[in-house]
Structure formats: C-alpha cells, structure tokens
Amino acid sequence: SSGINAEWPLRPGGGEDTVDIDANVQYAGILKKPPFGTRSYGMLTRWTERFCVVKESFLLYYDKSEKKAYETKKMFNIHPKGVIPLAGCSIENFDDIGKPCLKITHASFKTGNLVLAARNPEERDNWVNVLRECSKVTWNNAQLGAAQIKLLEENTAKINKEKTDYIEKLQAEAELRKHEEGKKEELEILAKQLEEEKSKMEDIANKFKEEKEMTHQELLDAMSAMKSLDEERAKMDNEREELQQNLKKMKKEKSTDWTLR
C-alpha cells in the first residue's frame, strides 16, 4: 500500500510493537468511548477518551496520548487498542443520552453496538459522514461495479448497432427520395436531419463511454483499496502473532525462573 512507510521506521527507543505507518488516513481525532457491551448509559457510565483513526474501511482507536505522536510525526502505530471493521456497518446519529454521539452497528457485533461521543454535533456529523463513506468499501460493492461495467458495455454495443441501423435507414430513405423525386431541397433537409440524428447518437455513445470509464476507475480504486486493506491486515496479524509468541515465551521463562528458585 502507498500508505505504508517503505522502511517501517521505529520510534526512538521503541520496540517491535511501535512500528508506525504513514498517516495516509481519511480522518482522525478524539472521541469518547464507553466499555464494550454497555447497553444503558447513565451517570455511572465510564467514558474514556480515545484517539481514533479512520484508515480505509477500518476504525482504529488508541490511548489519547497517541494523538501527540500522530500530530508530530504524521504517523500512527499499527498496534491500536482496538480495530473496528466498517465494511457493511450502519452508522447513525445517536442523541438519546444527551451527548452528541454516533452509533456503529453490524449483525456480526456480538457484544452490542459501539457508541462514540464527539465534542459537539458538528464534529459528530463529520465523523458520521466519513465513517459512512468508508463502510461502502465491501467485496459486494466491487462485484457490483464489475456488473455495472459489463452492463454499460452491453448497452454501448446495443446503442452503436441501433445508431448504425438508423443511419443506414436514413441514408436509404435519402437515396430513395433522391431517385424518386430528384429534388435538391428535400435532399438537403433530409441530409440535415441525418446529421442531427447522427450527432445525437454520437453524444449518447460518448456519454455511455464516459460512464463506463468512470465506473471502471471506481472499480479499480475499490479493488486497490481492498488489496491494500488485505495487505495491512495480514501484516497486523503477523505482528500480533509474533507478539503473542513473545509473551508466551516470556511467561514460560518466568515460570522456569520461579521453579529454579
């Protein structure tokens, strides 16, 4: 992905779990988050400020302190406290608790919906708009784009054939009138009509061509974004697996030390 630094730089004094990625993100800022599984919100609900980053079709959240590193280096760490896949999610305003909140829902969420609070309604609306756009990047949408391109190609071929048939018909009528009537004025009128119809058909064909190219580019962009997401997710999975292995190793070594004592 073009958003990943080619050298995978480490922060000064950092370890393997401080690998950063260039901040080629769609949106970032502070949101307040209650614990997962919260189903009612009242005076005792604990809201924690999190630095949130929207990257392609994922919402990543960190400790609030990560915001300073992001603003200084324009990079963010690949080990967030949590990652929310946005593909296929429903994002809506949620003002039932007296805060400018948004709610993210999906059938696959097992612990309930995710509610986040912004500082004000304007900031909340910005988050909602960005999250909704990112939730559209799905495999089904990419497949739909391919189907639309195929349909446009079929329609373009059909229109081109209709255009050719219609022009040939007009030309045949023009020839027939020329031989039957021999009147120059009628031929000129017919030729003008033919040219006008030809221009209309060419405009329609050009419009379909532009739509086809636009849809094709959107499909390429969507598939490129999906590929980038797959690559980044694979790297994040590898980092997480390596961290888990290191933790197991450290736990085993600690257990061995205690046994020797």
Protein backbone atom coordinates (compact mmCIF):
# COMPACT_ATOMS: atom_id res chain seq x y z
CA SER A 1 0.00 0.00 0.00
CA SER A 2 1.22 3.51 -0.73
CA GLY A 3 0.34 4.48 2.85
CA ILE A 4 2.96 2.15 4.43
CA ASN A 5 6.44 3.56 5.03
CA ALA A 6 8.96 1.64 2.94
CA GLU A 7 11.47 1.39 5.80
CA TRP A 8 8.98 0.60 8.60
CA PRO A 9 10.66 3.12 10.97
CA LEU A 10 10.75 2.51 14.73
CA ARG A 11 10.17 5.28 17.21
CA PRO A 12 13.32 6.31 19.14
CA GLY A 13 13.79 3.84 21.97
CA GLY A 14 10.81 1.76 20.79
CA GLY A 15 10.45 -1.94 20.16
CA GLU A 16 8.76 -4.09 17.58
CA ASP A 17 5.28 -3.07 18.74
CA THR A 18 5.90 0.61 17.93
CA VAL A 19 6.05 0.20 14.15
CA ASP A 20 4.39 3.21 12.51
CA ILE A 21 2.50 3.73 9.27
CA ASP A 22 2.40 6.96 7.27
CA ALA A 23 -0.71 8.93 8.20
CA ASN A 24 -2.47 8.44 4.87
CA VAL A 25 -5.79 8.34 6.69
CA GLN A 26 -9.29 9.60 6.00
CA TYR A 27 -9.97 11.15 9.42
CA ALA A 28 -8.52 11.30 12.94
CA GLY A 29 -9.43 12.85 16.28
CA ILE A 30 -10.55 12.33 19.87
CA LEU A 31 -13.79 10.50 20.67
CA LYS A 32 -15.13 9.24 23.99
CA LYS A 33 -15.92 5.52 24.24
CA PRO A 34 -17.73 3.54 26.92
CA PRO A 35 -16.71 -0.07 27.66
CA PHE A 36 -17.79 -2.67 25.10
CA GLY A 37 -21.06 -4.33 25.97
CA THR A 38 -22.54 -1.20 27.56
CA ARG A 39 -26.28 -1.33 26.94
CA SER A 40 -27.51 1.58 29.08
CA TYR A 41 -25.90 4.98 29.57
CA GLY A 42 -26.26 7.00 32.74
CA MET A 43 -24.35 9.00 35.32
CA LEU A 44 -22.22 5.98 36.27
CA THR A 45 -21.18 5.14 32.71
CA ARG A 46 -17.40 5.42 32.34
CA TRP A 47 -16.42 7.30 29.17
CA THR A 48 -12.77 7.09 28.11
CA GLU A 49 -11.16 9.47 25.62
CA ARG A 50 -9.61 7.60 22.70
CA PHE A 51 -7.60 8.84 19.76
CA CYS A 52 -9.47 7.44 16.76
CA VAL A 53 -8.16 6.97 13.20
CA VAL A 54 -10.18 6.07 10.10
CA LYS A 55 -7.98 4.13 7.66
CA GLU A 56 -9.71 2.85 4.50
CA SER A 57 -12.58 0.73 5.86
CA PHE A 58 -11.29 0.36 9.44
CA LEU A 59 -11.71 2.44 12.60
CA LEU A 60 -8.67 2.13 14.87
CA TYR A 61 -8.59 3.56 18.39
CA TYR A 62 -5.66 4.25 20.75
CA ASP A 63 -4.86 5.82 24.07
CA LYS A 64 -5.37 9.58 24.00
CA SER A 65 -1.59 10.04 24.25
CA GLU A 66 -1.14 8.65 20.71
CA LYS A 67 -2.62 11.89 19.33
CA LYS A 68 0.58 13.81 20.11
CA ALA A 69 2.80 11.34 18.25
CA TYR A 70 0.40 11.41 15.31
CA GLU A 71 0.39 15.22 15.10
CA THR A 72 4.19 15.41 15.47
CA LYS A 73 5.27 12.66 13.07
CA LYS A 74 2.15 12.36 10.90
CA MET A 75 2.35 8.62 11.51
CA PHE A 76 0.31 6.23 13.63
CA ASN A 77 1.19 2.98 15.38
CA ILE A 78 -0.03 -0.31 13.86
CA HIS A 79 -0.94 -1.72 17.27
CA PRO A 80 -4.12 0.06 18.35
CA LYS A 81 -6.15 -0.85 21.41
CA GLY A 82 -8.94 -1.93 19.08
CA VAL A 83 -9.92 -2.20 15.40
CA ILE A 84 -13.49 -1.97 14.10
CA PRO A 85 -14.11 -3.23 10.50
CA LEU A 86 -16.52 -0.71 8.95
CA ALA A 87 -17.50 -2.68 5.82
CA GLY A 88 -21.25 -3.16 5.78
CA CYS A 89 -21.77 -1.31 9.09
CA SER A 90 -24.65 1.04 9.78
CA ILE A 91 -23.55 4.44 11.14
CA GLU A 92 -26.11 6.86 12.53
CA ASN A 93 -26.52 9.78 14.92
CA PHE A 94 -27.31 8.77 18.50
CA ASP A 95 -28.60 11.61 20.69
CA ASP A 96 -30.68 9.56 23.16
CA ILE A 97 -28.29 10.12 26.07
CA GLY A 98 -27.85 13.89 25.91
CA LYS A 99 -24.45 13.74 24.19
CA PRO A 100 -23.54 14.30 20.50
CA CYS A 101 -22.94 10.60 19.84
CA LEU A 102 -22.81 8.25 16.88
CA LYS A 103 -23.66 4.56 16.85
CA ILE A 104 -21.99 1.83 14.77
CA THR A 105 -23.98 -1.38 14.32
CA HIS A 106 -23.46 -4.64 12.45
CA ALA A 107 -25.07 -8.06 12.65
CA SER A 108 -21.69 -9.62 13.46
CA PHE A 109 -21.13 -7.49 16.59
CA LYS A 110 -21.56 -10.00 19.44
CA THR A 111 -21.09 -7.63 22.40
CA GLY A 112 -23.58 -4.98 21.27
CA ASN A 113 -23.39 -1.76 19.32
CA LEU A 114 -20.48 0.68 19.53
CA VAL A 115 -21.38 4.19 20.73
CA LEU A 116 -18.87 7.05 20.49
CA ALA A 117 -19.26 10.63 21.72
CA ALA A 118 -17.84 13.72 19.99
CA ARG A 119 -17.19 17.15 21.48
CA ASN A 120 -20.04 18.82 19.59
CA PRO A 121 -22.73 17.99 16.98
CA GLU A 122 -20.72 19.45 14.08
CA GLU A 123 -17.72 17.24 14.84
CA ARG A 124 -20.03 14.24 15.28
CA ASP A 125 -21.61 14.88 11.86
CA ASN A 126 -18.15 14.95 10.25
CA TRP A 127 -17.32 11.57 11.79
CA VAL A 128 -20.63 10.09 10.64
CA ASN A 129 -20.08 11.25 7.05
CA VAL A 130 -16.55 9.82 6.88
CA LEU A 131 -17.49 6.52 8.53
CA ARG A 132 -20.46 6.04 6.19
CA GLU A 133 -18.26 6.53 3.13
CA CYS A 134 -15.68 4.04 4.43
CA SER A 135 -18.37 1.47 5.22
CA LYS A 136 -19.15 1.26 1.49
CA VAL A 137 -15.82 -0.43 0.66
CA THR A 138 -17.00 -4.06 0.52
CA TRP A 139 -16.40 -7.03 -1.76
CA ASN A 140 -20.05 -6.99 -2.81
CA ASN A 141 -19.77 -3.37 -3.94
CA ALA A 142 -16.69 -4.22 -6.00
CA GLN A 143 -18.59 -7.07 -7.64
CA LEU A 144 -21.50 -4.72 -8.32
CA GLY A 145 -19.11 -2.31 -10.05
CA ALA A 146 -17.91 -5.10 -12.34
CA ALA A 147 -21.51 -5.97 -13.19
CA GLN A 148 -22.26 -2.32 -13.98
CA ILE A 149 -19.27 -2.13 -16.33
CA LYS A 150 -20.46 -5.25 -18.16
CA LEU A 151 -23.96 -3.78 -18.45
CA LEU A 152 -22.56 -0.49 -19.79
CA GLU A 153 -20.52 -2.38 -22.38
CA GLU A 154 -23.61 -4.29 -23.50
CA ASN A 155 -25.68 -1.09 -23.67
CA THR A 156 -22.93 0.69 -25.60
CA ALA A 157 -22.78 -2.13 -28.17
CA LYS A 158 -26.58 -2.08 -28.47
CA ILE A 159 -26.66 1.70 -28.98
CA ASN A 160 -23.86 1.54 -31.56
CA LYS A 161 -25.81 -1.08 -33.52
CA GLU A 162 -29.01 0.97 -33.30
CA LYS A 163 -27.05 4.02 -34.41
CA THR A 164 -25.62 2.19 -37.43
CA ASP A 165 -29.01 0.73 -38.39
CA TYR A 166 -30.72 4.09 -38.05
CA ILE A 167 -28.11 5.90 -40.14
CA GLU A 168 -28.31 3.24 -42.81
CA LYS A 169 -32.10 3.57 -42.81
CA LEU A 170 -31.91 7.34 -43.20
CA GLN A 171 -29.33 7.02 -45.95
CA ALA A 172 -31.54 4.52 -47.77
CA GLU A 173 -34.52 6.86 -47.49
CA ALA A 174 -32.38 9.75 -48.74
CA GLU A 175 -31.26 7.73 -51.76
CA LEU A 176 -34.81 6.63 -52.47
CA ARG A 177 -36.12 10.18 -52.38
CA LYS A 178 -33.23 11.35 -54.49
CA HIS A 179 -34.03 8.89 -57.22
CA GLU A 180 -37.80 9.26 -56.93
CA GLU A 181 -38.15 12.99 -56.59
CA GLY A 182 -34.83 14.42 -57.65
CA LYS A 183 -35.46 17.46 -55.55
CA LYS A 184 -32.40 19.09 -54.12
CA GLU A 185 -34.26 20.91 -51.35
CA GLU A 186 -35.73 17.74 -49.86
CA LEU A 187 -32.37 16.00 -50.04
CA GLU A 188 -30.73 18.88 -48.16
CA ILE A 189 -33.41 18.77 -45.46
CA LEU A 190 -33.07 15.01 -45.13
CA ALA A 191 -29.27 15.29 -45.02
CA LYS A 192 -29.56 17.87 -42.23
CA GLN A 193 -31.88 15.60 -40.27
CA LEU A 194 -29.45 12.75 -40.77
CA GLU A 195 -26.58 14.82 -39.46
CA GLU A 196 -28.59 15.94 -36.43
CA GLU A 197 -29.58 12.37 -35.61
CA LYS A 198 -26.02 11.22 -36.11
CA SER A 199 -24.79 13.91 -33.71
CA LYS A 200 -27.37 12.88 -31.10
CA MET A 201 -26.40 9.23 -31.34
CA GLU A 202 -22.71 10.12 -31.05
CA ASP A 203 -23.44 12.20 -27.93
CA ILE A 204 -25.27 9.26 -26.38
CA ALA A 205 -22.44 6.88 -27.26
CA ASN A 206 -19.85 9.28 -25.80
CA LYS A 207 -21.89 9.59 -22.60
CA PHE A 208 -22.00 5.84 -22.16
CA LYS A 209 -18.27 5.65 -22.85
CA GLU A 210 -17.56 8.24 -20.13
CA GLU A 211 -19.79 6.42 -17.65
CA LYS A 212 -18.05 3.15 -18.47
CA GLU A 213 -14.59 4.66 -17.91
CA MET A 214 -15.70 6.31 -14.66
CA THR A 215 -17.21 3.09 -13.31
CA HIS A 216 -14.13 1.14 -14.37
CA GLN A 217 -11.86 3.56 -12.49
CA GLU A 218 -14.04 3.39 -9.40
CA LEU A 219 -13.84 -0.40 -9.54
CA LEU A 220 -10.05 -0.28 -9.83
CA ASP A 221 -9.85 2.14 -6.89
CA ALA A 222 -12.13 -0.07 -4.77
CA MET A 223 -10.16 -3.22 -5.58
CA SER A 224 -6.87 -1.39 -4.91
CA ALA A 225 -8.21 -0.25 -1.56
CA MET A 226 -9.33 -3.80 -0.74
CA LYS A 227 -5.92 -5.17 -1.67
CA SER A 228 -4.27 -2.54 0.50
CA LEU A 229 -6.54 -3.45 3.39
CA ASP A 230 -5.77 -7.16 2.99
CA GLU A 231 -2.03 -6.48 2.98
CA GLU A 232 -2.18 -4.22 6.03
CA ARG A 233 -4.45 -6.64 7.90
CA ALA A 234 -2.05 -9.52 7.12
CA LYS A 235 0.89 -7.51 8.44
CA MET A 236 -1.05 -6.57 11.55
CA ASP A 237 -1.98 -10.24 12.08
CA ASN A 238 1.68 -11.26 11.72
CA GLU A 239 2.75 -8.60 14.24
CA ARG A 240 0.05 -9.71 16.67
CA GLU A 241 1.03 -13.39 16.27
CA GLU A 242 4.68 -12.54 16.89
CA LEU A 243 3.75 -10.52 19.98
CA GLN A 244 1.67 -13.41 21.34
CA GLN A 245 4.55 -15.82 20.77
CA ASN A 246 6.94 -13.47 22.60
CA LEU A 247 4.50 -13.15 25.50
CA LYS A 248 4.18 -16.95 25.73
CA LYS A 249 7.98 -17.27 25.67
CA MET A 250 8.39 -14.64 28.40
CA LYS A 251 5.72 -16.32 30.51
CA LYS A 252 7.42 -19.68 30.12
CA GLU A 253 10.85 -18.21 31.02
CA LYS A 254 9.38 -16.50 34.06
CA SER A 255 7.75 -19.75 35.16
CA THR A 256 11.10 -21.55 34.76
CA ASP A 257 12.90 -18.91 36.86
CA TRP A 258 10.42 -19.33 39.69
CA THR A 259 10.77 -23.12 39.52
CA LEU A 260 14.58 -22.87 39.80
CA ARG A 261 14.28 -20.65 42.83
